[in-house]
Amino acid sequence: MTNVKIVTDSSCTMEKDVRDTLNIHVMPLSVMIDGVMYPDDDQLDGETFMQMMSTAKALPKTSQPPIGEFVSLYDELGKDGSEIISIHMTKGLSGTVEAARQASNLTKSKVTVIDSDTTDQGLSFQVIQAAKLAKEGKSSTEILAEIKKISDNTKLYIGIATLDNLVKGGRISRATGLLSSMLNIRVVMNFTHGDLIPVAKGRGKKTFDKWFDSLKKELKELPNVHQIAISHADAKELALEFKEGLQELFPEMHIPVLQTNPVIATHAGKGAFAIMYYVD
């Protein structure tokens, strides 16, 4: 039986013990802060990055992994005849998945590259389940079918406390950003197919609280919520509030609350959060 190995990129936020136990291979992106390039790996944890970003002279810049690094990783993982499934954040945010595709055409190994159509812990839903199935000895065909199912049934909401980073990064217009900064407007958006679709906006934290009430109603009406996850960018207190409310609905579910990775934090900015879930 051919083994299957799972690769993802560092935009995939997940618990490190889960990553290590399931032998998930993570290709780091890079983050440039004031002219210094840092690999987005375990040496640059989310908390440290948030401190560095707060004192940086300019918004950090993120860059995808070089194609050659993907080729080297694929060659090494496939030495024993293993197949590789490489699952990455949506092309709407990064060229990482395209770099992986180009590398898959250059490596000696058999590689299937997947655009997850999401990121952060939404991406981890696909990666973790794929790795669990690989560990059970499932075929690549079976794993790919499960990845597709999870992708089709995942929803990701992102809340932005300040639009400064989205404006600086060119994600939204400067006029909108200026207006929002002046009025202390907070926004919740549905991240779907690479686009940010606003679903709630208003002044102050009550905007997030009101939206969260609607999210709980949404989840109550769904029959088979398999997993919920919460990420944040230096907004742990708010994230834990959300977890408490969700744990009341799903008392037996493990709901990870994690500091997001530097790649996502760069664009989302301080105080941002994301709540993701998928259904069976």
C-alpha atoms as a PDB file:
ATOM      1  CA  MET A   1       0.000   0.000   0.000  1.00  0.00           C
ATOM      2  CA  THR A   2       1.298   3.457  -0.926  1.00  0.00           C
ATOM      3  CA  ASN A   3       1.660   5.893   1.964  1.00  0.00           C
ATOM      4  CA  VAL A   4       0.177   9.377   1.664  1.00  0.00           C
ATOM      5  CA  LYS A   5       1.912  12.378   3.233  1.00  0.00           C
ATOM      6  CA  ILE A   6       0.264  15.728   3.887  1.00  0.00           C
ATOM      7  CA  VAL A   7       1.814  19.155   3.234  1.00  0.00           C
ATOM      8  CA  THR A   8       0.355  22.587   3.954  1.00  0.00           C
ATOM      9  CA  ASP A   9       1.654  26.141   4.399  1.00  0.00           C
ATOM     10  CA  SER A  10       2.141  28.325   7.457  1.00  0.00           C
ATOM     11  CA  SER A  11      -1.159  30.168   6.977  1.00  0.00           C
ATOM     12  CA  CYS A  12      -2.690  26.977   8.384  1.00  0.00           C
ATOM     13  CA  THR A  13      -3.243  27.738  12.062  1.00  0.00           C
ATOM     14  CA  MET A  14      -3.427  24.606  14.202  1.00  0.00           C
ATOM     15  CA  GLU A  15      -2.318  23.249  17.528  1.00  0.00           C
ATOM     16  CA  LYS A  16       1.338  22.231  17.347  1.00  0.00           C
ATOM     17  CA  ASP A  17       0.819  18.927  19.138  1.00  0.00           C
ATOM     18  CA  VAL A  18      -1.827  17.966  16.574  1.00  0.00           C
ATOM     19  CA  ARG A  19       0.522  18.930  13.741  1.00  0.00           C
ATOM     20  CA  ASP A  20       3.387  16.893  15.180  1.00  0.00           C
ATOM     21  CA  THR A  21       1.312  13.858  16.150  1.00  0.00           C
ATOM     22  CA  LEU A  22      -0.147  13.622  12.650  1.00  0.00           C
ATOM     23  CA  ASN A  23       3.218  14.326  10.979  1.00  0.00           C
ATOM     24  CA  ILE A  24       1.894  17.256   8.959  1.00  0.00           C
ATOM     25  CA  HIS A  25       4.607  19.000   6.937  1.00  0.00           C
ATOM     26  CA  VAL A  26       4.365  22.814   6.915  1.00  0.00           C
ATOM     27  CA  MET A  27       6.014  24.982   4.261  1.00  0.00           C
ATOM     28  CA  PRO A  28       6.722  28.409   5.805  1.00  0.00           C
ATOM     29  CA  LEU A  29       5.920  31.640   4.051  1.00  0.00           C
ATOM     30  CA  SER A  30       8.121  34.654   4.817  1.00  0.00           C
ATOM     31  CA  VAL A  31       7.400  37.941   6.538  1.00  0.00           C
ATOM     32  CA  MET A  32       9.507  41.071   6.023  1.00  0.00           C
ATOM     33  CA  ILE A  33       9.551  43.548   8.903  1.00  0.00           C
ATOM     34  CA  ASP A  34      11.459  46.799   8.377  1.00  0.00           C
ATOM     35  CA  GLY A  35      13.666  45.203   5.738  1.00  0.00           C
ATOM     36  CA  VAL A  36      14.431  42.014   7.672  1.00  0.00           C
ATOM     37  CA  MET A  37      13.036  38.717   6.336  1.00  0.00           C
ATOM     38  CA  TYR A  38      11.747  36.138   8.815  1.00  0.00           C
ATOM     39  CA  PRO A  39      10.480  32.644   8.020  1.00  0.00           C
ATOM     40  CA  ASP A  40       6.945  32.129   9.318  1.00  0.00           C
ATOM     41  CA  ASP A  41       7.816  29.105  11.421  1.00  0.00           C
ATOM     42  CA  ASP A  42       7.933  28.064  15.076  1.00  0.00           C
ATOM     43  CA  GLN A  43      10.685  30.603  15.774  1.00  0.00           C
ATOM     44  CA  LEU A  44       8.266  33.465  15.018  1.00  0.00           C
ATOM     45  CA  ASP A  45       5.249  32.818  17.209  1.00  0.00           C
ATOM     46  CA  GLY A  46       2.106  34.877  16.857  1.00  0.00           C
ATOM     47  CA  GLU A  47       2.513  36.854  20.076  1.00  0.00           C
ATOM     48  CA  THR A  48       6.074  37.888  19.229  1.00  0.00           C
ATOM     49  CA  PHE A  49       5.023  38.898  15.740  1.00  0.00           C
ATOM     50  CA  MET A  50       2.198  41.104  17.030  1.00  0.00           C
ATOM     51  CA  GLN A  51       4.713  42.979  19.207  1.00  0.00           C
ATOM     52  CA  MET A  52       7.094  43.401  16.277  1.00  0.00           C
ATOM     53  CA  MET A  53       4.316  44.598  13.974  1.00  0.00           C
ATOM     54  CA  SER A  54       3.133  47.182  16.518  1.00  0.00           C
ATOM     55  CA  THR A  55       6.558  48.871  16.539  1.00  0.00           C
ATOM     56  CA  ALA A  56       7.401  48.408  12.849  1.00  0.00           C
ATOM     57  CA  LYS A  57       7.900  51.515  10.715  1.00  0.00           C
ATOM     58  CA  ALA A  58       5.733  50.085   7.947  1.00  0.00           C
ATOM     59  CA  LEU A  59       3.242  47.275   7.428  1.00  0.00           C
ATOM     60  CA  PRO A  60       5.085  43.934   7.191  1.00  0.00           C
ATOM     61  CA  LYS A  61       5.159  42.280   3.783  1.00  0.00           C
ATOM     62  CA  THR A  62       4.454  38.601   3.264  1.00  0.00           C
ATOM     63  CA  SER A  63       5.833  36.416   0.487  1.00  0.00           C
ATOM     64  CA  GLN A  64       5.133  32.896  -0.744  1.00  0.00           C
ATOM     65  CA  PRO A  65       7.679  30.076  -0.477  1.00  0.00           C
ATOM     66  CA  PRO A  66      10.116  29.690  -3.386  1.00  0.00           C
ATOM     67  CA  ILE A  67       9.196  26.974  -5.872  1.00  0.00           C
ATOM     68  CA  GLY A  68      12.572  25.319  -5.292  1.00  0.00           C
ATOM     69  CA  GLU A  69      11.797  24.780  -1.598  1.00  0.00           C
ATOM     70  CA  PHE A  70       8.576  23.015  -2.515  1.00  0.00           C
ATOM     71  CA  VAL A  71      10.448  20.815  -5.001  1.00  0.00           C
ATOM     72  CA  SER A  72      13.036  19.869  -2.368  1.00  0.00           C
ATOM     73  CA  LEU A  73      10.343  19.006   0.164  1.00  0.00           C
ATOM     74  CA  TYR A  74       8.344  16.955  -2.328  1.00  0.00           C
ATOM     75  CA  ASP A  75      11.462  15.102  -3.491  1.00  0.00           C
ATOM     76  CA  GLU A  76      12.398  14.229   0.090  1.00  0.00           C
ATOM     77  CA  LEU A  77       8.896  13.113   1.110  1.00  0.00           C
ATOM     78  CA  GLY A  78       8.458  10.995  -1.995  1.00  0.00           C
ATOM     79  CA  LYS A  79      11.795   9.158  -1.737  1.00  0.00           C
ATOM     80  CA  ASP A  80      10.109   6.127  -0.208  1.00  0.00           C
ATOM     81  CA  GLY A  81       7.417   6.009  -2.894  1.00  0.00           C
ATOM     82  CA  SER A  82       4.852   7.949  -0.887  1.00  0.00           C
ATOM     83  CA  GLU A  83       2.212  10.053  -2.597  1.00  0.00           C
ATOM     84  CA  ILE A  84       1.832  13.662  -1.421  1.00  0.00           C
ATOM     85  CA  ILE A  85      -1.293  15.774  -0.986  1.00  0.00           C
ATOM     86  CA  SER A  86      -0.387  19.447  -0.644  1.00  0.00           C
ATOM     87  CA  ILE A  87      -3.221  21.653   0.676  1.00  0.00           C
ATOM     88  CA  HIS A  88      -2.864  25.438   0.681  1.00  0.00           C
ATOM     89  CA  MET A  89      -4.584  28.715   1.388  1.00  0.00           C
ATOM     90  CA  THR A  90      -6.816  30.138  -1.285  1.00  0.00           C
ATOM     91  CA  LYS A  91      -5.219  31.721  -4.340  1.00  0.00           C
ATOM     92  CA  GLY A  92      -7.315  34.806  -3.494  1.00  0.00           C
ATOM     93  CA  LEU A  93      -4.847  35.591  -0.704  1.00  0.00           C
ATOM     94  CA  SER A  94      -1.527  34.262  -1.945  1.00  0.00           C
ATOM     95  CA  GLY A  95       0.345  32.735  -4.847  1.00  0.00           C
ATOM     96  CA  THR A  96       1.482  29.893  -2.580  1.00  0.00           C
ATOM     97  CA  VAL A  97      -0.848  27.309  -4.107  1.00  0.00           C
ATOM     98  CA  GLU A  98       0.365  28.211  -7.605  1.00  0.00           C
ATOM     99  CA  ALA A  99       3.996  27.873  -6.493  1.00  0.00           C
ATOM    100  CA  ALA A 100       3.120  24.435  -5.133  1.00  0.00           C
ATOM    101  CA  ARG A 101       1.479  23.484  -8.452  1.00  0.00           C
ATOM    102  CA  GLN A 102       4.534  24.534 -10.413  1.00  0.00           C
ATOM    103  CA  ALA A 103       6.749  22.552  -8.051  1.00  0.00           C
ATOM    104  CA  SER A 104       4.517  19.486  -8.444  1.00  0.00           C
ATOM    105  CA  ASN A 105       5.413  19.494 -12.150  1.00  0.00           C
ATOM    106  CA  LEU A 106       9.135  19.572 -11.378  1.00  0.00           C
ATOM    107  CA  THR A 107       9.440  17.011  -8.603  1.00  0.00           C
ATOM    108  CA  LYS A 108      10.054  13.301  -9.085  1.00  0.00           C
ATOM    109  CA  SER A 109       7.296  12.556  -6.544  1.00  0.00           C
ATOM    110  CA  LYS A 110       3.571  12.141  -7.172  1.00  0.00           C
ATOM    111  CA  VAL A 111       1.948  15.285  -5.793  1.00  0.00           C
ATOM    112  CA  THR A 112      -1.668  16.462  -5.811  1.00  0.00           C
ATOM    113  CA  VAL A 113      -2.044  20.171  -5.013  1.00  0.00           C
ATOM    114  CA  ILE A 114      -5.301  21.467  -3.529  1.00  0.00           C
ATOM    115  CA  ASP A 115      -6.563  25.042  -3.256  1.00  0.00           C
ATOM    116  CA  SER A 116      -8.458  24.880   0.041  1.00  0.00           C
ATOM    117  CA  ASP A 117     -10.532  27.971  -0.836  1.00  0.00           C
ATOM    118  CA  THR A 118      -9.930  29.202   2.715  1.00  0.00           C
ATOM    119  CA  THR A 119      -7.136  29.762   5.260  1.00  0.00           C
ATOM    120  CA  ASP A 120      -6.244  29.785   8.969  1.00  0.00           C
ATOM    121  CA  GLN A 121      -8.078  27.122  10.980  1.00  0.00           C
ATOM    122  CA  GLY A 122     -10.540  26.756   8.118  1.00  0.00           C
ATOM    123  CA  LEU A 123      -7.603  25.329   6.173  1.00  0.00           C
ATOM    124  CA  SER A 124      -6.620  23.185   9.145  1.00  0.00           C
ATOM    125  CA  PHE A 125      -9.990  21.407   9.029  1.00  0.00           C
ATOM    126  CA  GLN A 126      -8.999  19.899   5.669  1.00  0.00           C
ATOM    127  CA  VAL A 127      -5.354  19.341   6.575  1.00  0.00           C
ATOM    128  CA  ILE A 128      -5.989  17.622   9.914  1.00  0.00           C
ATOM    129  CA  GLN A 129      -8.662  15.294   8.555  1.00  0.00           C
ATOM    130  CA  ALA A 130      -6.482  14.435   5.561  1.00  0.00           C
ATOM    131  CA  ALA A 131      -3.589  13.594   7.896  1.00  0.00           C
ATOM    132  CA  LYS A 132      -5.823  11.443  10.116  1.00  0.00           C
ATOM    133  CA  LEU A 133      -7.029   9.470   7.111  1.00  0.00           C
ATOM    134  CA  ALA A 134      -3.459   9.128   5.815  1.00  0.00           C
ATOM    135  CA  LYS A 135      -2.407   7.753   9.180  1.00  0.00           C
ATOM    136  CA  GLU A 136      -5.244   5.210   8.943  1.00  0.00           C
ATOM    137  CA  GLY A 137      -3.850   4.065   5.610  1.00  0.00           C
ATOM    138  CA  LYS A 138      -6.605   5.505   3.402  1.00  0.00           C
ATOM    139  CA  SER A 139      -5.888   5.976  -0.288  1.00  0.00           C
ATOM    140  CA  SER A 140      -5.294   9.365  -1.878  1.00  0.00           C
ATOM    141  CA  THR A 141      -8.653   9.027  -3.664  1.00  0.00           C
ATOM    142  CA  GLU A 142     -10.472   8.570  -0.356  1.00  0.00           C
ATOM    143  CA  ILE A 143      -8.584  11.447   1.257  1.00  0.00           C
ATOM    144  CA  LEU A 144      -9.240  13.824  -1.644  1.00  0.00           C
ATOM    145  CA  ALA A 145     -12.964  13.071  -1.504  1.00  0.00           C
ATOM    146  CA  GLU A 146     -13.026  13.950   2.202  1.00  0.00           C
ATOM    147  CA  ILE A 147     -11.061  17.170   1.612  1.00  0.00           C
ATOM    148  CA  LYS A 148     -13.609  18.237  -1.012  1.00  0.00           C
ATOM    149  CA  LYS A 149     -16.497  17.482   1.338  1.00  0.00           C
ATOM    150  CA  ILE A 150     -15.003  19.561   4.137  1.00  0.00           C
ATOM    151  CA  SER A 151     -14.159  22.434   1.779  1.00  0.00           C
ATOM    152  CA  ASP A 152     -17.737  22.525   0.484  1.00  0.00           C
ATOM    153  CA  ASN A 153     -19.130  22.657   4.023  1.00  0.00           C
ATOM    154  CA  THR A 154     -16.785  25.136   5.722  1.00  0.00           C
ATOM    155  CA  LYS A 155     -17.722  28.682   6.668  1.00  0.00           C
ATOM    156  CA  LEU A 156     -15.303  31.344   7.901  1.00  0.00           C
ATOM    157  CA  TYR A 157     -16.221  34.687   9.453  1.00  0.00           C
ATOM    158  CA  ILE A 158     -13.618  37.345  10.177  1.00  0.00           C
ATOM    159  CA  GLY A 159     -14.094  40.338  12.439  1.00  0.00           C
ATOM    160  CA  ILE A 160     -11.936  43.416  11.959  1.00  0.00           C
ATOM    161  CA  ALA A 161     -11.419  45.901  14.798  1.00  0.00           C
ATOM    162  CA  THR A 162      -9.478  48.384  12.658  1.00  0.00           C
ATOM    163  CA  LEU A 163      -9.254  48.592   8.893  1.00  0.00           C
ATOM    164  CA  ASP A 164      -5.782  50.171   8.911  1.00  0.00           C
ATOM    165  CA  ASN A 165      -3.900  47.067   7.792  1.00  0.00           C
ATOM    166  CA  LEU A 166      -6.434  46.157   5.107  1.00  0.00           C
ATOM    167  CA  VAL A 167      -6.109  49.684   3.733  1.00  0.00           C
ATOM    168  CA  LYS A 168      -2.289  49.723   3.886  1.00  0.00           C
ATOM    169  CA  GLY A 169      -2.181  46.318   2.211  1.00  0.00           C
ATOM    170  CA  GLY A 170      -4.471  47.462  -0.592  1.00  0.00           C
ATOM    171  CA  ARG A 171      -7.265  45.046   0.320  1.00  0.00           C
ATOM    172  CA  ILE A 172      -9.884  47.782   0.573  1.00  0.00           C
ATOM    173  CA  SER A 173     -10.118  51.380  -0.618  1.00  0.00           C
ATOM    174  CA  ARG A 174      -8.405  54.125   1.332  1.00  0.00           C
ATOM    175  CA  ALA A 175     -11.600  56.163   1.460  1.00  0.00           C
ATOM    176  CA  THR A 176     -13.459  53.337   3.172  1.00  0.00           C
ATOM    177  CA  GLY A 177     -10.597  52.835   5.590  1.00  0.00           C
ATOM    178  CA  LEU A 178     -10.424  56.506   6.506  1.00  0.00           C
ATOM    179  CA  LEU A 179     -14.164  56.680   7.122  1.00  0.00           C
ATOM    180  CA  SER A 180     -14.120  53.571   9.251  1.00  0.00           C
ATOM    181  CA  SER A 181     -11.204  54.796  11.336  1.00  0.00           C
ATOM    182  CA  MET A 182     -12.955  58.090  12.030  1.00  0.00           C
ATOM    183  CA  LEU A 183     -16.216  56.475  13.053  1.00  0.00           C
ATOM    184  CA  ASN A 184     -14.707  53.555  14.992  1.00  0.00           C
ATOM    185  CA  ILE A 185     -16.600  51.176  12.734  1.00  0.00           C
ATOM    186  CA  ARG A 186     -16.036  47.468  13.219  1.00  0.00           C
ATOM    187  CA  VAL A 187     -16.813  44.983  10.491  1.00  0.00           C
ATOM    188  CA  VAL A 188     -17.601  41.276  10.331  1.00  0.00           C
ATOM    189  CA  MET A 189     -17.156  39.630   6.954  1.00  0.00           C
ATOM    190  CA  ASN A 190     -17.839  36.233   5.458  1.00  0.00           C
ATOM    191  CA  PHE A 191     -14.682  35.014   3.751  1.00  0.00           C
ATOM    192  CA  THR A 192     -15.852  33.048   0.752  1.00  0.00           C
ATOM    193  CA  HIS A 193     -14.087  32.075  -2.484  1.00  0.00           C
ATOM    194  CA  GLY A 194     -11.318  34.573  -1.755  1.00  0.00           C
ATOM    195  CA  ASP A 195     -13.697  37.491  -1.244  1.00  0.00           C
ATOM    196  CA  LEU A 196     -14.601  39.395   1.920  1.00  0.00           C
ATOM    197  CA  ILE A 197     -18.369  39.903   2.064  1.00  0.00           C
ATOM    198  CA  PRO A 198     -19.522  42.288   4.856  1.00  0.00           C
ATOM    199  CA  VAL A 199     -22.297  40.839   6.990  1.00  0.00           C
ATOM    200  CA  ALA A 200     -22.277  43.287   9.921  1.00  0.00           C
ATOM    201  CA  LYS A 201     -20.823  46.679  10.728  1.00  0.00           C
ATOM    202  CA  GLY A 202     -21.216  49.288  13.415  1.00  0.00           C
ATOM    203  CA  ARG A 203     -19.489  51.206  16.153  1.00  0.00           C
ATOM    204  CA  GLY A 204     -17.775  49.561  19.082  1.00  0.00           C
ATOM    205  CA  LYS A 205     -17.772  46.056  20.481  1.00  0.00           C
ATOM    206  CA  LYS A 206     -21.563  45.802  20.485  1.00  0.00           C
ATOM    207  CA  THR A 207     -21.285  45.182  16.726  1.00  0.00           C
ATOM    208  CA  PHE A 208     -19.374  41.969  17.383  1.00  0.00           C
ATOM    209  CA  ASP A 209     -21.731  40.967  20.212  1.00  0.00           C
ATOM    210  CA  LYS A 210     -24.848  41.411  18.085  1.00  0.00           C
ATOM    211  CA  TRP A 211     -23.325  39.476  15.197  1.00  0.00           C
ATOM    212  CA  PHE A 212     -22.245  36.700  17.565  1.00  0.00           C
ATOM    213  CA  ASP A 213     -25.841  36.281  18.697  1.00  0.00           C
ATOM    214  CA  SER A 214     -26.838  35.749  15.077  1.00  0.00           C
ATOM    215  CA  LEU A 215     -24.010  33.228  14.630  1.00  0.00           C
ATOM    216  CA  LYS A 216     -25.248  31.191  17.578  1.00  0.00           C
ATOM    217  CA  LYS A 217     -28.732  31.098  16.034  1.00  0.00           C
ATOM    218  CA  GLU A 218     -27.174  30.003  12.741  1.00  0.00           C
ATOM    219  CA  LEU A 219     -25.294  27.161  14.435  1.00  0.00           C
ATOM    220  CA  LYS A 220     -28.341  26.041  16.438  1.00  0.00           C
ATOM    221  CA  GLU A 221     -30.223  25.462  13.197  1.00  0.00           C
ATOM    222  CA  LEU A 222     -27.513  23.279  11.660  1.00  0.00           C
ATOM    223  CA  PRO A 223     -27.897  19.514  12.248  1.00  0.00           C
ATOM    224  CA  ASN A 224     -24.304  18.255  12.157  1.00  0.00           C
ATOM    225  CA  VAL A 225     -21.720  20.823  13.253  1.00  0.00           C
ATOM    226  CA  HIS A 226     -18.519  18.773  13.284  1.00  0.00           C
ATOM    227  CA  GLN A 227     -15.925  21.353  14.348  1.00  0.00           C
ATOM    228  CA  ILE A 228     -15.695  25.003  15.413  1.00  0.00           C
ATOM    229  CA  ALA A 229     -12.453  26.943  15.800  1.00  0.00           C
ATOM    230  CA  ILE A 230     -11.547  30.478  16.862  1.00  0.00           C
ATOM    231  CA  SER A 231      -8.443  32.451  15.896  1.00  0.00           C
ATOM    232  CA  HIS A 232      -7.439  35.959  16.906  1.00  0.00           C
ATOM    233  CA  ALA A 233      -4.792  38.617  16.432  1.00  0.00           C
ATOM    234  CA  ASP A 234      -4.006  39.825  19.946  1.00  0.00           C
ATOM    235  CA  ALA A 235      -7.700  39.604  20.921  1.00  0.00           C
ATOM    236  CA  LYS A 236      -7.617  36.652  23.291  1.00  0.00           C
ATOM    237  CA  GLU A 237     -10.134  38.045  25.769  1.00  0.00           C
ATOM    238  CA  LEU A 238     -12.757  38.506  23.061  1.00  0.00           C
ATOM    239  CA  ALA A 239     -11.968  35.096  21.564  1.00  0.00           C
ATOM    240  CA  LEU A 240     -12.446  33.420  24.964  1.00  0.00           C
ATOM    241  CA  GLU A 241     -15.800  35.181  25.340  1.00  0.00           C
ATOM    242  CA  PHE A 242     -16.857  33.689  22.034  1.00  0.00           C
ATOM    243  CA  LYS A 243     -15.616  30.260  23.078  1.00  0.00           C
ATOM    244  CA  GLU A 244     -17.652  30.401  26.278  1.00  0.00           C
ATOM    245  CA  GLY A 245     -20.808  31.170  24.315  1.00  0.00           C
ATOM    246  CA  LEU A 246     -20.164  28.420  21.776  1.00  0.00           C
ATOM    247  CA  GLN A 247     -19.211  25.862  24.411  1.00  0.00           C
ATOM    248  CA  GLU A 248     -22.687  26.282  25.921  1.00  0.00           C
ATOM    249  CA  LEU A 249     -24.142  25.124  22.592  1.00  0.00           C
ATOM    250  CA  PHE A 250     -21.582  22.351  22.072  1.00  0.00           C
ATOM    251  CA  PRO A 251     -20.384  21.288  25.544  1.00  0.00           C
ATOM    252  CA  GLU A 252     -18.583  18.149  24.317  1.00  0.00           C
ATOM    253  CA  MET A 253     -16.700  19.817  21.455  1.00  0.00           C
ATOM    254  CA  HIS A 254     -13.044  20.798  21.669  1.00  0.00           C
ATOM    255  CA  ILE A 255     -12.982  24.375  20.336  1.00  0.00           C
ATOM    256  CA  PRO A 256      -9.393  25.576  19.776  1.00  0.00           C
ATOM    257  CA  VAL A 257      -8.675  29.234  20.528  1.00  0.00           C
ATOM    258  CA  LEU A 258      -5.397  30.142  18.841  1.00  0.00           C
ATOM    259  CA  GLN A 259      -3.347  33.217  18.074  1.00  0.00           C
ATOM    260  CA  THR A 260      -3.409  33.427  14.289  1.00  0.00           C
ATOM    261  CA  ASN A 261      -0.265  33.199  12.220  1.00  0.00           C
ATOM    262  CA  PRO A 262       1.799  36.250  11.123  1.00  0.00           C
ATOM    263  CA  VAL A 263       0.625  36.012   7.495  1.00  0.00           C
ATOM    264  CA  ILE A 264      -3.042  36.442   8.449  1.00  0.00           C
ATOM    265  CA  ALA A 265      -2.343  38.920  11.261  1.00  0.00           C
ATOM    266  CA  THR A 266      -0.488  41.195   8.829  1.00  0.00           C
ATOM    267  CA  HIS A 267      -3.625  41.692   6.765  1.00  0.00           C
ATOM    268  CA  ALA A 268      -6.268  41.479   9.502  1.00  0.00           C
ATOM    269  CA  GLY A 269      -4.581  43.768  12.033  1.00  0.00           C
ATOM    270  CA  LYS A 270      -4.601  43.969  15.821  1.00  0.00           C
ATOM    271  CA  GLY A 271      -7.873  42.992  17.476  1.00  0.00           C
ATOM    272  CA  ALA A 272      -9.121  40.845  14.595  1.00  0.00           C
ATOM    273  CA  PHE A 273     -10.733  37.458  15.104  1.00  0.00           C
ATOM    274  CA  ALA A 274     -12.087  34.625  13.007  1.00  0.00           C
ATOM    275  CA  ILE A 275     -14.672  31.957  13.788  1.00  0.00           C
ATOM    276  CA  MET A 276     -14.787  28.962  11.485  1.00  0.00           C
ATOM    277  CA  TYR A 277     -16.896  25.847  11.401  1.00  0.00           C
ATOM    278  CA  TYR A 278     -17.782  22.946   9.176  1.00  0.00           C
ATOM    279  CA  VAL A 279     -20.674  20.513   9.052  1.00  0.00           C
ATOM    280  CA  ASP A 280     -20.779  16.846   8.096  1.00  0.00           C
END
